[in-house]
């Protein structure tokens, strides 16, 4: 499985979200191999990842991505929101976590 964090330029906020997702996966004791990367929203294609994490302002720019695989983060710095959304995906996919 692959998660990808997206931002306008693919450098700053997407890298921060990537690191935060990796931390959550560690805290949740996820044993399954989940690759987490980051990129710019303009070059993202549906085959790049299973789930895409974006800022709400980029929702329109992510129009080519399947809606059911785009996870909109209302706040890129809210660790609780990110954890809830990552855990919801893990539950949906049947991936064991704490």
PDB file of N, CA and C in Angstrom:
ATOM      1  N   UNK A   1       0.845  -1.175   0.000  1.00  0.00           N
ATOM      2  CA  UNK A   1       0.000   0.000   0.000  1.00  0.00           C
ATOM      3  C   UNK A   1       0.889   1.237   0.000  1.00  0.00           C
ATOM      4  N   UNK A   2       0.382   2.285  -0.613  1.00  0.00           N
ATOM      5  CA  UNK A   2       1.162   3.520  -0.692  1.00  0.00           C
ATOM      6  C   UNK A   2       0.276   4.722  -0.369  1.00  0.00           C
ATOM      7  N   UNK A   3       0.813   5.597   0.483  1.00  0.00           N
ATOM      8  CA  UNK A   3       0.206   6.889   0.799  1.00  0.00           C
ATOM      9  C   UNK A   3       1.088   7.967   0.177  1.00  0.00           C
ATOM     10  N   UNK A   4       0.453   9.022  -0.311  1.00  0.00           N
ATOM     11  CA  UNK A   4       1.218  10.139  -0.853  1.00  0.00           C
ATOM     12  C   UNK A   4       0.632  11.454  -0.348  1.00  0.00           C
ATOM     13  N   UNK A   5       1.496  12.276   0.212  1.00  0.00           N
ATOM     14  CA  UNK A   5       1.109  13.616   0.655  1.00  0.00           C
ATOM     15  C   UNK A   5       1.386  14.580  -0.497  1.00  0.00           C
ATOM     16  N   UNK A   6       0.420  15.440  -0.768  1.00  0.00           N
ATOM     17  CA  UNK A   6       0.545  16.377  -1.885  1.00  0.00           C
ATOM     18  C   UNK A   6       0.461  17.814  -1.401  1.00  0.00           C
ATOM     19  N   UNK A   7       1.258  18.673  -2.014  1.00  0.00           N
ATOM     20  CA  UNK A   7       1.129  20.111  -1.783  1.00  0.00           C
ATOM     21  C   UNK A   7       1.398  20.827  -3.104  1.00  0.00           C
ATOM     22  N   UNK A   8       1.351  22.125  -3.086  1.00  0.00           N
ATOM     23  CA  UNK A   8       1.492  22.908  -4.316  1.00  0.00           C
ATOM     24  C   UNK A   8       2.823  22.641  -5.017  1.00  0.00           C
ATOM     25  N   UNK A   9       3.922  22.669  -4.276  1.00  0.00           N
ATOM     26  CA  UNK A   9       5.243  22.520  -4.895  1.00  0.00           C
ATOM     27  C   UNK A   9       5.884  21.155  -4.658  1.00  0.00           C
ATOM     28  N   UNK A  10       5.327  20.363  -3.752  1.00  0.00           N
ATOM     29  CA  UNK A  10       5.888  19.045  -3.473  1.00  0.00           C
ATOM     30  C   UNK A  10       7.113  19.078  -2.590  1.00  0.00           C
ATOM     31  N   UNK A  11       7.301  20.172  -1.851  1.00  0.00           N
ATOM     32  CA  UNK A  11       8.507  20.305  -1.037  1.00  0.00           C
ATOM     33  C   UNK A  11       8.231  20.446   0.457  1.00  0.00           C
ATOM     34  N   UNK A  12       7.518  21.478   0.850  1.00  0.00           N
ATOM     35  CA  UNK A  12       7.401  21.814   2.269  1.00  0.00           C
ATOM     36  C   UNK A  12       6.339  21.066   3.030  1.00  0.00           C
ATOM     37  N   UNK A  13       5.090  21.459   2.850  1.00  0.00           N
ATOM     38  CA  UNK A  13       4.030  20.893   3.673  1.00  0.00           C
ATOM     39  C   UNK A  13       3.801  19.418   3.377  1.00  0.00           C
ATOM     40  N   UNK A  14       3.987  18.995   2.134  1.00  0.00           N
ATOM     41  CA  UNK A  14       3.785  17.572   1.827  1.00  0.00           C
ATOM     42  C   UNK A  14       4.850  16.718   2.515  1.00  0.00           C
ATOM     43  N   UNK A  15       6.064  17.226   2.605  1.00  0.00           N
ATOM     44  CA  UNK A  15       7.126  16.487   3.304  1.00  0.00           C
ATOM     45  C   UNK A  15       6.807  16.390   4.794  1.00  0.00           C
ATOM     46  N   UNK A  16       6.280  17.468   5.375  1.00  0.00           N
ATOM     47  CA  UNK A  16       5.899  17.459   6.792  1.00  0.00           C
ATOM     48  C   UNK A  16       4.791  16.427   7.039  1.00  0.00           C
ATOM     49  N   UNK A  17       3.784  16.394   6.166  1.00  0.00           N
ATOM     50  CA  UNK A  17       2.698  15.430   6.314  1.00  0.00           C
ATOM     51  C   UNK A  17       3.243  14.011   6.154  1.00  0.00           C
ATOM     52  N   UNK A  18       4.144  13.803   5.211  1.00  0.00           N
ATOM     53  CA  UNK A  18       4.766  12.491   5.034  1.00  0.00           C
ATOM     54  C   UNK A  18       5.438  12.029   6.326  1.00  0.00           C
ATOM     55  N   UNK A  19       6.236  12.893   6.929  1.00  0.00           N
ATOM     56  CA  UNK A  19       6.923  12.541   8.183  1.00  0.00           C
ATOM     57  C   UNK A  19       5.907  12.248   9.286  1.00  0.00           C
ATOM     58  N   UNK A  20       4.843  13.047   9.363  1.00  0.00           N
ATOM     59  CA  UNK A  20       3.826  12.832  10.392  1.00  0.00           C
ATOM     60  C   UNK A  20       3.089  11.509  10.193  1.00  0.00           C
ATOM     61  N   UNK A  21       2.805  11.144   8.946  1.00  0.00           N
ATOM     62  CA  UNK A  21       2.161   9.855   8.679  1.00  0.00           C
ATOM     63  C   UNK A  21       3.088   8.719   9.105  1.00  0.00           C
ATOM     64  N   UNK A  22       4.369   8.824   8.761  1.00  0.00           N
ATOM     65  CA  UNK A  22       5.332   7.793   9.170  1.00  0.00           C
ATOM     66  C   UNK A  22       5.363   7.648  10.687  1.00  0.00           C
ATOM     67  N   UNK A  23       5.322   8.763  11.400  1.00  0.00           N
ATOM     68  CA  UNK A  23       5.309   8.719  12.865  1.00  0.00           C
ATOM     69  C   UNK A  23       4.053   8.033  13.387  1.00  0.00           C
ATOM     70  N   UNK A  24       2.915   8.328  12.787  1.00  0.00           N
ATOM     71  CA  UNK A  24       1.648   7.711  13.203  1.00  0.00           C
ATOM     72  C   UNK A  24       1.705   6.202  12.970  1.00  0.00           C
ATOM     73  N   UNK A  25       2.201   5.781  11.820  1.00  0.00           N
ATOM     74  CA  UNK A  25       2.293   4.354  11.528  1.00  0.00           C
ATOM     75  C   UNK A  25       3.182   3.642  12.551  1.00  0.00           C
ATOM     76  N   UNK A  26       4.250   4.321  12.978  1.00  0.00           N
ATOM     77  CA  UNK A  26       5.124   3.759  14.027  1.00  0.00           C
ATOM     78  C   UNK A  26       4.394   3.684  15.357  1.00  0.00           C
ATOM     79  N   UNK A  27       3.743   4.780  15.746  1.00  0.00           N
ATOM     80  CA  UNK A  27       3.007   4.827  17.014  1.00  0.00           C
ATOM     81  C   UNK A  27       1.894   3.792  17.049  1.00  0.00           C
ATOM     82  N   UNK A  28       1.266   3.567  15.917  1.00  0.00           N
ATOM     83  CA  UNK A  28       0.154   2.621  15.825  1.00  0.00           C
ATOM     84  C   UNK A  28       0.649   1.183  15.655  1.00  0.00           C
ATOM     85  N   UNK A  29       1.965   1.003  15.621  1.00  0.00           N
ATOM     86  CA  UNK A  29       2.569  -0.322  15.547  1.00  0.00           C
ATOM     87  C   UNK A  29       2.106  -1.095  14.305  1.00  0.00           C
ATOM     88  N   UNK A  30       2.054  -0.405  13.166  1.00  0.00           N
ATOM     89  CA  UNK A  30       1.637  -1.023  11.913  1.00  0.00           C
ATOM     90  C   UNK A  30       2.789  -1.871  11.385  1.00  0.00           C
ATOM     91  N   UNK A  31       2.518  -3.141  11.175  1.00  0.00           N
ATOM     92  CA  UNK A  31       3.545  -4.071  10.700  1.00  0.00           C
ATOM     93  C   UNK A  31       3.557  -4.185   9.179  1.00  0.00           C
ATOM     94  N   UNK A  32       2.413  -3.941   8.550  1.00  0.00           N
ATOM     95  CA  UNK A  32       2.333  -4.038   7.096  1.00  0.00           C
ATOM     96  C   UNK A  32       3.186  -2.944   6.461  1.00  0.00           C
ATOM     97  N   UNK A  33       3.795  -3.280   5.337  1.00  0.00           N
ATOM     98  CA  UNK A  33       4.643  -2.317   4.646  1.00  0.00           C
ATOM     99  C   UNK A  33       3.777  -1.272   3.936  1.00  0.00           C
ATOM    100  N   UNK A  34       3.809  -0.056   4.435  1.00  0.00           N
ATOM    101  CA  UNK A  34       3.099   1.058   3.804  1.00  0.00           C
ATOM    102  C   UNK A  34       4.138   2.093   3.421  1.00  0.00           C
ATOM    103  N   UNK A  35       4.253   2.329   2.139  1.00  0.00           N
ATOM    104  CA  UNK A  35       5.200   3.323   1.638  1.00  0.00           C
ATOM    105  C   UNK A  35       4.532   4.693   1.710  1.00  0.00           C
ATOM    106  N   UNK A  36       5.259   5.674   2.221  1.00  0.00           N
ATOM    107  CA  UNK A  36       4.734   7.036   2.320  1.00  0.00           C
ATOM    108  C   UNK A  36       5.690   7.964   1.579  1.00  0.00           C
ATOM    109  N   UNK A  37       5.162   8.747   0.653  1.00  0.00           N
ATOM    110  CA  UNK A  37       5.993   9.675  -0.104  1.00  0.00           C
ATOM    111  C   UNK A  37       5.273  11.021  -0.213  1.00  0.00           C
ATOM    112  N   UNK A  38       5.918  11.956  -0.884  1.00  0.00           N
ATOM    113  CA  UNK A  38       5.299  13.269  -1.091  1.00  0.00           C
ATOM    114  C   UNK A  38       5.609  13.753  -2.503  1.00  0.00           C
ATOM    115  N   UNK A  39       4.742  14.651  -2.997  1.00  0.00           N
ATOM    116  CA  UNK A  39       4.873  15.130  -4.366  1.00  0.00           C
ATOM    117  C   UNK A  39       4.065  16.414  -4.524  1.00  0.00           C
ATOM    118  N   UNK A  40       4.205  17.021  -5.698  1.00  0.00           N
ATOM    119  CA  UNK A  40       3.368  18.187  -5.997  1.00  0.00           C
ATOM    120  C   UNK A  40       2.054  17.702  -6.602  1.00  0.00           C
ATOM    121  N   UNK A  41       0.996  18.417  -6.315  1.00  0.00           N
ATOM    122  CA  UNK A  41      -0.346  18.011  -6.732  1.00  0.00           C
ATOM    123  C   UNK A  41      -0.491  18.002  -8.255  1.00  0.00           C
ATOM    124  N   UNK A  42       0.231  18.867  -8.937  1.00  0.00           N
ATOM    125  CA  UNK A  42       0.107  18.971 -10.391  1.00  0.00           C
ATOM    126  C   UNK A  42       0.580  17.746 -11.148  1.00  0.00           C
ATOM    127  N   UNK A  43       1.524  17.017 -10.585  1.00  0.00           N
ATOM    128  CA  UNK A  43       2.044  15.850 -11.290  1.00  0.00           C
ATOM    129  C   UNK A  43       1.477  14.532 -10.755  1.00  0.00           C
ATOM    130  N   UNK A  44       0.563  14.600  -9.792  1.00  0.00           N
ATOM    131  CA  UNK A  44       0.000  13.388  -9.200  1.00  0.00           C
ATOM    132  C   UNK A  44      -0.942  12.689 -10.178  1.00  0.00           C
ATOM    133  N   UNK A  45      -0.785  11.377 -10.280  1.00  0.00           N
ATOM    134  CA  UNK A  45      -1.653  10.558 -11.115  1.00  0.00           C
ATOM    135  C   UNK A  45      -2.269   9.454 -10.257  1.00  0.00           C
ATOM    136  N   UNK A  46      -3.444   8.960 -10.628  1.00  0.00           N
ATOM    137  CA  UNK A  46      -4.131   7.958  -9.802  1.00  0.00           C
ATOM    138  C   UNK A  46      -3.318   6.708  -9.499  1.00  0.00           C
ATOM    139  N   UNK A  47      -2.394   6.335 -10.387  1.00  0.00           N
ATOM    140  CA  UNK A  47      -1.614   5.117 -10.180  1.00  0.00           C
ATOM    141  C   UNK A  47      -0.413   5.309  -9.256  1.00  0.00           C
ATOM    142  N   UNK A  48      -0.173   6.531  -8.802  1.00  0.00           N
ATOM    143  CA  UNK A  48       0.973   6.823  -7.931  1.00  0.00           C
ATOM    144  C   UNK A  48       0.811   6.299  -6.508  1.00  0.00           C
ATOM    145  N   UNK A  49      -0.423   6.246  -6.020  1.00  0.00           N
ATOM    146  CA  UNK A  49      -0.640   5.858  -4.623  1.00  0.00           C
ATOM    147  C   UNK A  49      -2.056   5.320  -4.450  1.00  0.00           C
ATOM    148  N   UNK A  50      -2.244   4.667  -3.301  1.00  0.00           N
ATOM    149  CA  UNK A  50      -3.578   4.179  -2.964  1.00  0.00           C
ATOM    150  C   UNK A  50      -4.423   5.279  -2.333  1.00  0.00           C
ATOM    151  N   UNK A  51      -3.749   6.170  -1.570  1.00  0.00           N
ATOM    152  CA  UNK A  51      -4.427   7.286  -0.910  1.00  0.00           C
ATOM    153  C   UNK A  51      -3.557   8.533  -1.001  1.00  0.00           C
ATOM    154  N   UNK A  52      -4.225   9.670  -1.209  1.00  0.00           N
ATOM    155  CA  UNK A  52      -3.551  10.960  -1.338  1.00  0.00           C
ATOM    156  C   UNK A  52      -4.047  11.900  -0.247  1.00  0.00           C
ATOM    157  N   UNK A  53      -3.137  12.556   0.451  1.00  0.00           N
ATOM    158  CA  UNK A  53      -3.460  13.496   1.520  1.00  0.00           C
ATOM    159  C   UNK A  53      -3.195  14.906   1.009  1.00  0.00           C
ATOM    160  N   UNK A  54      -4.236  15.765   1.083  1.00  0.00           N
ATOM    161  CA  UNK A  54      -4.102  17.121   0.556  1.00  0.00           C
ATOM    162  C   UNK A  54      -4.731  18.156   1.477  1.00  0.00           C
ATOM    163  N   UNK A  55      -4.323  19.392   1.263  1.00  0.00           N
ATOM    164  CA  UNK A  55      -4.906  20.567   1.893  1.00  0.00           C
ATOM    165  C   UNK A  55      -6.217  20.874   1.152  1.00  0.00           C
ATOM    166  N   UNK A  56      -7.254  21.378   1.849  1.00  0.00           N
ATOM    167  CA  UNK A  56      -8.531  21.647   1.168  1.00  0.00           C
ATOM    168  C   UNK A  56      -8.424  22.634   0.002  1.00  0.00           C
ATOM    169  N   UNK A  57      -7.453  23.521   0.038  1.00  0.00           N
ATOM    170  CA  UNK A  57      -7.310  24.497  -1.047  1.00  0.00           C
ATOM    171  C   UNK A  57      -6.845  23.845  -2.354  1.00  0.00           C
ATOM    172  N   UNK A  58      -6.370  22.613  -2.272  1.00  0.00           N
ATOM    173  CA  UNK A  58      -5.871  21.921  -3.462  1.00  0.00           C
ATOM    174  C   UNK A  58      -6.869  20.909  -4.030  1.00  0.00           C
ATOM    175  N   UNK A  59      -8.053  20.847  -3.456  1.00  0.00           N
ATOM    176  CA  UNK A  59      -9.057  19.867  -3.878  1.00  0.00           C
ATOM    177  C   UNK A  59      -9.347  19.982  -5.376  1.00  0.00           C
ATOM    178  N   UNK A  60      -9.492  21.171  -5.875  1.00  0.00           N
ATOM    179  CA  UNK A  60      -9.765  21.374  -7.302  1.00  0.00           C
ATOM    180  C   UNK A  60      -8.584  20.904  -8.150  1.00  0.00           C
ATOM    181  N   UNK A  61      -7.373  21.208  -7.706  1.00  0.00           N
ATOM    182  CA  UNK A  61      -6.173  20.821  -8.448  1.00  0.00           C
ATOM    183  C   UNK A  61      -5.990  19.311  -8.482  1.00  0.00           C
ATOM    184  N   UNK A  62      -6.605  18.605  -7.530  1.00  0.00           N
ATOM    185  CA  UNK A  62      -6.497  17.145  -7.469  1.00  0.00           C
ATOM    186  C   UNK A  62      -7.664  16.479  -8.177  1.00  0.00           C
ATOM    187  N   UNK A  63      -8.316  17.195  -9.062  1.00  0.00           N
ATOM    188  CA  UNK A  63      -9.511  16.706  -9.737  1.00  0.00           C
ATOM    189  C   UNK A  63      -9.334  15.429 -10.533  1.00  0.00           C
ATOM    190  N   UNK A  64      -8.119  15.135 -10.975  1.00  0.00           N
ATOM    191  CA  UNK A  64      -7.889  13.916 -11.757  1.00  0.00           C
ATOM    192  C   UNK A  64      -7.754  12.677 -10.874  1.00  0.00           C
ATOM    193  N   UNK A  65      -7.695  12.889  -9.559  1.00  0.00           N
ATOM    194  CA  UNK A  65      -7.554  11.764  -8.626  1.00  0.00           C
ATOM    195  C   UNK A  65      -8.930  11.302  -8.161  1.00  0.00           C
ATOM    196  N   UNK A  66      -9.099   9.988  -7.942  1.00  0.00           N
ATOM    197  CA  UNK A  66     -10.398   9.476  -7.494  1.00  0.00           C
ATOM    198  C   UNK A  66     -10.796  10.049  -6.131  1.00  0.00           C
ATOM    199  N   UNK A  67     -11.998  10.599  -6.040  1.00  0.00           N
ATOM    200  CA  UNK A  67     -12.481  11.235  -4.805  1.00  0.00           C
ATOM    201  C   UNK A  67     -12.383  10.325  -3.588  1.00  0.00           C
ATOM    202  N   UNK A  68     -12.661   9.038  -3.775  1.00  0.00           N
ATOM    203  CA  UNK A  68     -12.669   8.124  -2.635  1.00  0.00           C
ATOM    204  C   UNK A  68     -11.265   7.792  -2.125  1.00  0.00           C
ATOM    205  N   UNK A  69     -10.241   8.260  -2.839  1.00  0.00           N
ATOM    206  CA  UNK A  69      -8.859   8.014  -2.414  1.00  0.00           C
ATOM    207  C   UNK A  69      -8.128   9.301  -2.024  1.00  0.00           C
ATOM    208  N   UNK A  70      -8.854  10.419  -2.079  1.00  0.00           N
ATOM    209  CA  UNK A  70      -8.275  11.712  -1.689  1.00  0.00           C
ATOM    210  C   UNK A  70      -8.735  12.025  -0.269  1.00  0.00           C
ATOM    211  N   UNK A  71      -7.769  12.209   0.619  1.00  0.00           N
ATOM    212  CA  UNK A  71      -8.050  12.510   2.016  1.00  0.00           C
ATOM    213  C   UNK A  71      -7.727  13.982   2.242  1.00  0.00           C
ATOM    214  N   UNK A  72      -8.774  14.769   2.465  1.00  0.00           N
ATOM    215  CA  UNK A  72      -8.599  16.207   2.676  1.00  0.00           C
ATOM    216  C   UNK A  72      -8.321  16.461   4.150  1.00  0.00           C
ATOM    217  N   UNK A  73      -7.213  17.145   4.408  1.00  0.00           N
ATOM    218  CA  UNK A  73      -6.834  17.511   5.776  1.00  0.00           C
ATOM    219  C   UNK A  73      -7.221  18.961   6.007  1.00  0.00           C
ATOM    220  N   UNK A  74      -8.157  19.195   6.898  1.00  0.00           N
ATOM    221  CA  UNK A  74      -8.599  20.557   7.185  1.00  0.00           C
ATOM    222  C   UNK A  74      -7.471  21.393   7.778  1.00  0.00           C
ATOM    223  N   UNK A  75      -6.564  20.739   8.504  1.00  0.00           N
ATOM    224  CA  UNK A  75      -5.390  21.408   9.064  1.00  0.00           C
ATOM    225  C   UNK A  75      -4.185  20.489   8.891  1.00  0.00           C
ATOM    226  N   UNK A  76      -3.173  20.963   8.206  1.00  0.00           N
ATOM    227  CA  UNK A  76      -1.979  20.148   7.980  1.00  0.00           C
ATOM    228  C   UNK A  76      -1.160  19.941   9.243  1.00  0.00           C
ATOM    229  N   UNK A  77      -1.419  20.728  10.275  1.00  0.00           N
ATOM    230  CA  UNK A  77      -0.639  20.616  11.516  1.00  0.00           C
ATOM    231  C   UNK A  77      -1.417  19.959  12.655  1.00  0.00           C
ATOM    232  N   UNK A  78      -2.656  19.556  12.409  1.00  0.00           N
ATOM    233  CA  UNK A  78      -3.469  18.915  13.445  1.00  0.00           C
ATOM    234  C   UNK A  78      -3.161  17.419  13.475  1.00  0.00           C
ATOM    235  N   UNK A  79      -2.317  17.016  14.426  1.00  0.00           N
ATOM    236  CA  UNK A  79      -1.885  15.616  14.530  1.00  0.00           C
ATOM    237  C   UNK A  79      -3.055  14.681  14.800  1.00  0.00           C
ATOM    238  N   UNK A  80      -4.029  15.132  15.576  1.00  0.00           N
ATOM    239  CA  UNK A  80      -5.187  14.286  15.887  1.00  0.00           C
ATOM    240  C   UNK A  80      -6.037  14.012  14.642  1.00  0.00           C
ATOM    241  N   UNK A  81      -6.259  15.035  13.840  1.00  0.00           N
ATOM    242  CA  UNK A  81      -7.026  14.846  12.606  1.00  0.00           C
ATOM    243  C   UNK A  81      -6.318  13.854  11.684  1.00  0.00           C
ATOM    244  N   UNK A  82      -5.018  14.031  11.519  1.00  0.00           N
ATOM    245  CA  UNK A  82      -4.254  13.135  10.647  1.00  0.00           C
ATOM    246  C   UNK A  82      -4.306  11.703  11.174  1.00  0.00           C
ATOM    247  N   UNK A  83      -4.144  11.545  12.474  1.00  0.00           N
ATOM    248  CA  UNK A  83      -4.177  10.211  13.076  1.00  0.00           C
ATOM    249  C   UNK A  83      -5.544   9.555  12.853  1.00  0.00           C
ATOM    250  N   UNK A  84      -6.620  10.305  13.045  1.00  0.00           N
ATOM    251  CA  UNK A  84      -7.971   9.776  12.834  1.00  0.00           C
ATOM    252  C   UNK A  84      -8.152   9.311  11.395  1.00  0.00           C
ATOM    253  N   UNK A  85      -7.668  10.105  10.462  1.00  0.00           N
ATOM    254  CA  UNK A  85      -7.861   9.774   9.047  1.00  0.00           C
ATOM    255  C   UNK A  85      -6.974   8.604   8.620  1.00  0.00           C
ATOM    256  N   UNK A  86      -5.758   8.535   9.124  1.00  0.00           N
ATOM    257  CA  UNK A  86      -4.890   7.387   8.827  1.00  0.00           C
ATOM    258  C   UNK A  86      -5.497   6.120   9.421  1.00  0.00           C
ATOM    259  N   UNK A  87      -5.954   6.195  10.674  1.00  0.00           N
ATOM    260  CA  UNK A  87      -6.557   5.026  11.316  1.00  0.00           C
ATOM    261  C   UNK A  87      -7.825   4.573  10.599  1.00  0.00           C
ATOM    262  N   UNK A  88      -8.600   5.512  10.073  1.00  0.00           N
ATOM    263  CA  UNK A  88      -9.812   5.149   9.329  1.00  0.00           C
ATOM    264  C   UNK A  88      -9.446   4.355   8.070  1.00  0.00           C
ATOM    265  N   UNK A  89      -8.372   4.747   7.403  1.00  0.00           N
ATOM    266  CA  UNK A  89      -7.906   4.008   6.228  1.00  0.00           C
ATOM    267  C   UNK A  89      -7.436   2.622   6.639  1.00  0.00           C
ATOM    268  N   UNK A  90      -6.651   2.556   7.713  1.00  0.00           N
ATOM    269  CA  UNK A  90      -6.156   1.261   8.190  1.00  0.00           C
ATOM    270  C   UNK A  90      -7.322   0.326   8.502  1.00  0.00           C
ATOM    271  N   UNK A  91      -8.346   0.859   9.175  1.00  0.00           N
ATOM    272  CA  UNK A  91      -9.528   0.059   9.497  1.00  0.00           C
ATOM    273  C   UNK A  91     -10.241  -0.406   8.219  1.00  0.00           C
ATOM    274  N   UNK A  92     -10.434   0.510   7.289  1.00  0.00           N
ATOM    275  CA  UNK A  92     -11.114   0.213   6.020  1.00  0.00           C
ATOM    276  C   UNK A  92     -10.385  -0.882   5.251  1.00  0.00           C
ATOM    277  N   UNK A  93      -9.051  -0.831   5.289  1.00  0.00           N
ATOM    278  CA  UNK A  93      -8.234  -1.792   4.544  1.00  0.00           C
ATOM    279  C   UNK A  93      -7.929  -3.066   5.328  1.00  0.00           C
ATOM    280  N   UNK A  94      -8.410  -3.132   6.578  1.00  0.00           N
ATOM    281  CA  UNK A  94      -8.182  -4.307   7.401  1.00  0.00           C
ATOM    282  C   UNK A  94      -6.751  -4.475   7.854  1.00  0.00           C
ATOM    283  N   UNK A  95      -6.057  -3.348   8.054  1.00  0.00           N
ATOM    284  CA  UNK A  95      -4.664  -3.373   8.477  1.00  0.00           C
ATOM    285  C   UNK A  95      -4.610  -3.219   9.988  1.00  0.00           C
ATOM    286  N   UNK A  96      -3.952  -4.156  10.633  1.00  0.00           N
ATOM    287  CA  UNK A  96      -3.861  -4.182  12.084  1.00  0.00           C
ATOM    288  C   UNK A  96      -3.044  -3.001  12.613  1.00  0.00           C
ATOM    289  N   UNK A  97      -3.567  -2.394  13.698  1.00  0.00           N
ATOM    290  CA  UNK A  97      -2.860  -1.299  14.360  1.00  0.00           C
ATOM    291  C   UNK A  97      -3.364  -1.199  15.791  1.00  0.00           C
ATOM    292  N   UNK A  98      -2.590  -0.474  16.628  1.00  0.00           N
ATOM    293  CA  UNK A  98      -2.963  -0.312  18.044  1.00  0.00           C
ATOM    294  C   UNK A  98      -4.012   0.757  18.232  1.00  0.00           C
TER     295      UNK A  98
END
